[in-house]
């Protein structure tokens, strides 16, 4: 599912959108596995990968004039799995970026 974004809103909010995406990407990449062992490392790697893929999908959607709500949900879930509740909330707030 997607939410359309007008070209005017894209121009107006582009910097904010990209700052949110960049910050959540950096936060996800800076995390470490929450436990020791191979399973924890695999889970961590998958969560980081999911968060980064969701960010890429959001950027692609934004460039096409839409907000990908499924990518937001996937990314927020991955960020929560990494213990990044604030980053997940910031990502979820992107759906309302044009409602300020």
Foldseek 3Di string as FASTA:
>chain_A
DKAFADPVLCVVCVVVLVVLLVVLLVVLVPFDQPDDDDVSRVLSVVLSVLLNVLSVVQVVQSVVGIGDQVSLVSNLVSCVVRVNNVSNVSSNCVNCSVVD
